[in-house]
Structures are given as C-alpha cells and as structure tokens.
C-alpha cells in the first residue's frame, strides 16, 4: 500500500438484534476477500451491542470510494431484505 497518505473510515451498521447482525456478518465474509487489494483494506467485526463495524484503509480516493460503495451496497441489500421480511 502506498504510504504517502492513507484515507481511513469506520462504518457502523446497527441492528435490532444479534441474530440479524450475525446473519449479515456471515453473508458479508465471502465478499470481504474481493475488497482486499494492495490499494485498500477492509476489516469487519461484530460487536456485542448488535453492531457490525467496518474499518476501511485506502491509499487513494478511488480505491476508498470503491470500498465504501461495496459496504453501502451491502447495507442496502440487508435493509431491503429486512423490509421484505417485515411485509411478509
């Protein structure tokens, strides 16, 4: 990773219960491998307070944006799935 500068960010997804958080975490794990590049690193961890915490570190704005878009898209999929489940 280029060390001239880095861009770092933390995204937290808050869930109503730990079961939904765990399902979401397990769903995201296979996706995290494609986010690991020499330009960007993404870590995800479960926290006891029903949160998923994503930590992003990138060496350029393009890689940072791509990583953030993947996390946001993942969050949208979770949200849409939960909305469908509420309707059913």
N, C-alpha and C. Protein backbone atom coordinates (compact mmCIF):
# COMPACT_ATOMS: atom_id res chain seq x y z
N UNK A 1 0.84 -1.18 0.00
CA UNK A 1 0.00 0.00 0.00
C UNK A 1 0.89 1.24 0.00
N UNK A 2 0.55 2.20 -0.85
CA UNK A 2 1.28 3.47 -0.91
C UNK A 2 1.22 4.14 0.45
N UNK A 3 2.34 4.57 0.98
CA UNK A 3 2.37 5.17 2.31
C UNK A 3 2.55 6.69 2.28
N UNK A 4 2.32 7.33 1.12
CA UNK A 4 2.38 8.79 1.09
C UNK A 4 1.25 9.37 1.93
N UNK A 5 0.09 8.74 1.87
CA UNK A 5 -1.03 9.10 2.73
C UNK A 5 -2.02 7.95 2.72
N UNK A 6 -2.90 7.94 3.69
CA UNK A 6 -3.97 6.95 3.71
C UNK A 6 -5.29 7.65 4.04
N UNK A 7 -6.35 7.04 3.61
CA UNK A 7 -7.69 7.50 3.92
C UNK A 7 -8.31 6.41 4.78
N UNK A 8 -8.82 6.78 5.94
CA UNK A 8 -9.39 5.80 6.84
C UNK A 8 -10.80 6.20 7.23
N UNK A 9 -11.63 5.18 7.40
CA UNK A 9 -13.01 5.45 7.79
C UNK A 9 -13.56 4.25 8.55
N UNK A 10 -14.57 4.51 9.35
CA UNK A 10 -15.29 3.46 10.06
C UNK A 10 -16.78 3.62 9.75
N UNK A 11 -17.39 2.52 9.38
CA UNK A 11 -18.84 2.50 9.14
C UNK A 11 -19.44 1.52 10.13
N UNK A 12 -20.49 1.95 10.81
CA UNK A 12 -21.18 1.08 11.74
C UNK A 12 -22.59 0.82 11.24
N UNK A 13 -22.96 -0.46 11.19
CA UNK A 13 -24.33 -0.85 10.90
C UNK A 13 -24.93 -1.35 12.21
N UNK A 14 -26.01 -0.72 12.65
CA UNK A 14 -26.67 -1.07 13.90
C UNK A 14 -27.89 -1.95 13.61
N UNK A 15 -28.01 -3.04 14.33
CA UNK A 15 -29.10 -3.99 14.15
C UNK A 15 -29.98 -4.03 15.40
N UNK A 16 -31.22 -4.46 15.21
CA UNK A 16 -32.15 -4.58 16.34
C UNK A 16 -31.85 -5.79 17.21
N UNK A 17 -31.26 -6.81 16.61
CA UNK A 17 -30.91 -7.99 17.41
C UNK A 17 -29.65 -8.64 16.87
N UNK A 18 -29.03 -9.44 17.72
CA UNK A 18 -27.74 -10.04 17.36
C UNK A 18 -27.89 -11.14 16.31
N UNK A 19 -29.04 -11.77 16.21
CA UNK A 19 -29.22 -12.82 15.20
C UNK A 19 -29.13 -12.24 13.79
N UNK A 20 -29.80 -11.12 13.55
CA UNK A 20 -29.74 -10.47 12.23
C UNK A 20 -28.32 -9.96 11.97
N UNK A 21 -27.68 -9.43 13.00
CA UNK A 21 -26.28 -8.99 12.85
C UNK A 21 -25.39 -10.15 12.44
N UNK A 22 -25.57 -11.31 13.08
CA UNK A 22 -24.73 -12.47 12.79
C UNK A 22 -24.97 -13.00 11.38
N UNK A 23 -26.22 -13.05 10.95
CA UNK A 23 -26.53 -13.49 9.58
C UNK A 23 -25.89 -12.53 8.57
N UNK A 24 -25.99 -11.24 8.84
CA UNK A 24 -25.40 -10.24 7.94
C UNK A 24 -23.88 -10.37 7.90
N UNK A 25 -23.28 -10.57 9.04
CA UNK A 25 -21.83 -10.75 9.13
C UNK A 25 -21.40 -11.96 8.29
N UNK A 26 -22.07 -13.07 8.51
CA UNK A 26 -21.71 -14.30 7.78
C UNK A 26 -21.93 -14.15 6.28
N UNK A 27 -22.90 -13.35 5.89
CA UNK A 27 -23.15 -13.09 4.47
C UNK A 27 -22.06 -12.22 3.86
N UNK A 28 -21.50 -11.33 4.64
CA UNK A 28 -20.51 -10.40 4.11
C UNK A 28 -19.11 -11.00 4.03
N UNK A 29 -18.80 -11.97 4.87
CA UNK A 29 -17.45 -12.52 4.92
C UNK A 29 -16.92 -12.93 3.55
N UNK A 30 -17.68 -13.67 2.71
CA UNK A 30 -17.13 -14.02 1.39
C UNK A 30 -16.84 -12.79 0.52
N UNK A 31 -17.59 -11.72 0.71
CA UNK A 31 -17.39 -10.51 -0.09
C UNK A 31 -16.14 -9.74 0.32
N UNK A 32 -15.74 -9.88 1.55
CA UNK A 32 -14.63 -9.07 2.06
C UNK A 32 -13.32 -9.41 1.35
N UNK A 33 -13.19 -10.64 0.87
CA UNK A 33 -11.95 -11.04 0.20
C UNK A 33 -11.70 -10.23 -1.07
N UNK A 34 -12.76 -9.91 -1.81
CA UNK A 34 -12.55 -9.15 -3.04
C UNK A 34 -12.25 -7.67 -2.78
N UNK A 35 -12.49 -7.23 -1.54
CA UNK A 35 -12.19 -5.83 -1.19
C UNK A 35 -10.74 -5.65 -0.76
N UNK A 36 -10.03 -6.76 -0.52
CA UNK A 36 -8.63 -6.68 -0.10
C UNK A 36 -7.74 -6.54 -1.32
N UNK A 37 -7.15 -5.40 -1.48
CA UNK A 37 -6.23 -5.17 -2.59
C UNK A 37 -4.97 -4.51 -2.04
N UNK A 38 -4.03 -4.26 -2.92
CA UNK A 38 -2.83 -3.54 -2.46
C UNK A 38 -3.12 -2.05 -2.28
N UNK A 39 -4.31 -1.61 -2.69
CA UNK A 39 -4.69 -0.20 -2.54
C UNK A 39 -5.71 0.04 -1.43
N UNK A 40 -6.35 -1.01 -0.95
CA UNK A 40 -7.41 -0.83 0.04
C UNK A 40 -7.57 -2.08 0.90
N UNK A 41 -7.79 -1.88 2.18
CA UNK A 41 -8.04 -2.96 3.13
C UNK A 41 -9.34 -2.67 3.86
N UNK A 42 -10.16 -3.72 4.02
CA UNK A 42 -11.42 -3.60 4.75
C UNK A 42 -11.48 -4.70 5.79
N UNK A 43 -11.75 -4.33 7.01
CA UNK A 43 -11.95 -5.27 8.10
C UNK A 43 -13.38 -5.12 8.59
N UNK A 44 -13.99 -6.22 9.01
CA UNK A 44 -15.33 -6.16 9.59
C UNK A 44 -15.30 -6.94 10.89
N UNK A 45 -15.97 -6.40 11.91
CA UNK A 45 -16.05 -7.12 13.18
C UNK A 45 -17.44 -6.97 13.77
N UNK A 46 -17.83 -8.01 14.49
CA UNK A 46 -19.09 -7.99 15.21
C UNK A 46 -18.82 -7.38 16.59
N UNK A 47 -19.76 -6.56 17.05
CA UNK A 47 -19.65 -6.04 18.41
C UNK A 47 -20.85 -6.49 19.22
N UNK A 48 -20.68 -6.57 20.52
CA UNK A 48 -21.72 -7.08 21.41
C UNK A 48 -23.00 -6.27 21.40
N UNK A 49 -22.93 -5.03 21.00
CA UNK A 49 -24.11 -4.16 21.02
C UNK A 49 -24.88 -4.19 19.70
N UNK A 50 -24.92 -5.34 19.05
CA UNK A 50 -25.67 -5.55 17.80
C UNK A 50 -25.17 -4.66 16.67
N UNK A 51 -23.87 -4.46 16.59
CA UNK A 51 -23.27 -3.66 15.52
C UNK A 51 -22.32 -4.50 14.69
N UNK A 52 -22.26 -4.13 13.40
CA UNK A 52 -21.16 -4.54 12.54
C UNK A 52 -20.33 -3.30 12.30
N UNK A 53 -19.04 -3.40 12.50
CA UNK A 53 -18.15 -2.26 12.31
C UNK A 53 -17.18 -2.58 11.18
N UNK A 54 -17.20 -1.75 10.15
CA UNK A 54 -16.32 -1.87 9.00
C UNK A 54 -15.22 -0.81 9.12
N UNK A 55 -13.99 -1.24 9.01
CA UNK A 55 -12.85 -0.33 9.03
C UNK A 55 -12.20 -0.37 7.66
N UNK A 56 -12.10 0.79 7.03
CA UNK A 56 -11.56 0.91 5.68
C UNK A 56 -10.28 1.74 5.73
N UNK A 57 -9.24 1.24 5.07
CA UNK A 57 -8.00 2.00 4.92
C UNK A 57 -7.57 1.88 3.47
N UNK A 58 -7.43 3.02 2.82
CA UNK A 58 -7.07 3.05 1.39
C UNK A 58 -5.94 4.03 1.17
N UNK A 59 -5.19 3.79 0.08
CA UNK A 59 -4.07 4.68 -0.23
C UNK A 59 -4.42 5.70 -1.31
N UNK A 60 -5.64 5.58 -1.88
CA UNK A 60 -6.07 6.60 -2.83
C UNK A 60 -7.59 6.71 -2.80
N UNK A 61 -8.10 7.82 -3.26
CA UNK A 61 -9.52 8.11 -3.16
C UNK A 61 -10.37 7.18 -4.01
N UNK A 62 -9.86 6.73 -5.13
CA UNK A 62 -10.63 5.83 -5.99
C UNK A 62 -10.84 4.48 -5.31
N UNK A 63 -9.79 3.94 -4.73
CA UNK A 63 -9.91 2.67 -4.01
C UNK A 63 -10.81 2.82 -2.78
N UNK A 64 -10.69 3.95 -2.10
CA UNK A 64 -11.53 4.22 -0.93
C UNK A 64 -13.00 4.26 -1.33
N UNK A 65 -13.29 4.96 -2.38
CA UNK A 65 -14.67 5.08 -2.85
C UNK A 65 -15.24 3.72 -3.24
N UNK A 66 -14.44 2.91 -3.91
CA UNK A 66 -14.91 1.58 -4.32
C UNK A 66 -15.23 0.72 -3.09
N UNK A 67 -14.38 0.77 -2.08
CA UNK A 67 -14.63 0.01 -0.86
C UNK A 67 -15.88 0.50 -0.14
N UNK A 68 -16.02 1.81 -0.05
CA UNK A 68 -17.20 2.38 0.61
C UNK A 68 -18.47 2.02 -0.14
N UNK A 69 -18.43 2.06 -1.46
CA UNK A 69 -19.61 1.70 -2.26
C UNK A 69 -20.02 0.24 -2.03
N UNK A 70 -19.05 -0.65 -1.92
CA UNK A 70 -19.35 -2.05 -1.65
C UNK A 70 -20.05 -2.21 -0.30
N UNK A 71 -19.57 -1.53 0.71
CA UNK A 71 -20.17 -1.62 2.04
C UNK A 71 -21.57 -1.03 2.04
N UNK A 72 -21.74 0.11 1.39
CA UNK A 72 -23.06 0.74 1.31
C UNK A 72 -24.03 -0.15 0.54
N UNK A 73 -23.58 -0.74 -0.56
CA UNK A 73 -24.43 -1.65 -1.32
C UNK A 73 -24.84 -2.85 -0.47
N UNK A 74 -23.90 -3.37 0.29
CA UNK A 74 -24.20 -4.48 1.19
C UNK A 74 -25.26 -4.06 2.21
N UNK A 75 -25.12 -2.87 2.77
CA UNK A 75 -26.10 -2.35 3.72
C UNK A 75 -27.48 -2.22 3.10
N UNK A 76 -27.54 -1.78 1.84
CA UNK A 76 -28.82 -1.66 1.14
C UNK A 76 -29.48 -3.01 0.95
N UNK A 77 -28.69 -4.03 0.61
CA UNK A 77 -29.24 -5.37 0.44
C UNK A 77 -29.84 -5.86 1.76
N UNK A 78 -29.14 -5.66 2.85
CA UNK A 78 -29.65 -6.05 4.16
C UNK A 78 -30.95 -5.31 4.46
N UNK A 79 -30.94 -4.00 4.26
CA UNK A 79 -32.12 -3.19 4.55
C UNK A 79 -33.32 -3.63 3.71
N UNK A 80 -33.10 -3.83 2.42
CA UNK A 80 -34.19 -4.27 1.54
C UNK A 80 -34.72 -5.65 1.95
N UNK A 81 -33.82 -6.54 2.32
CA UNK A 81 -34.23 -7.87 2.75
C UNK A 81 -35.08 -7.79 4.03
N UNK A 82 -34.65 -6.96 4.96
CA UNK A 82 -35.41 -6.82 6.20
C UNK A 82 -36.77 -6.18 5.95
N UNK A 83 -36.86 -5.25 5.02
CA UNK A 83 -38.15 -4.63 4.68
C UNK A 83 -39.07 -5.66 4.06
N UNK A 84 -38.56 -6.51 3.20
CA UNK A 84 -39.39 -7.57 2.59
C UNK A 84 -39.87 -8.53 3.67
N UNK A 85 -39.01 -8.87 4.60
CA UNK A 85 -39.37 -9.79 5.68
C UNK A 85 -40.47 -9.19 6.56
N UNK A 86 -40.44 -7.88 6.78
CA UNK A 86 -41.49 -7.22 7.57
C UNK A 86 -42.83 -7.24 6.87
N UNK A 87 -42.82 -7.15 5.55
CA UNK A 87 -44.07 -7.13 4.77
C UNK A 87 -44.71 -8.52 4.77
N UNK A 88 -43.87 -9.56 4.74
CA UNK A 88 -44.38 -10.94 4.64
C UNK A 88 -45.10 -11.38 5.89
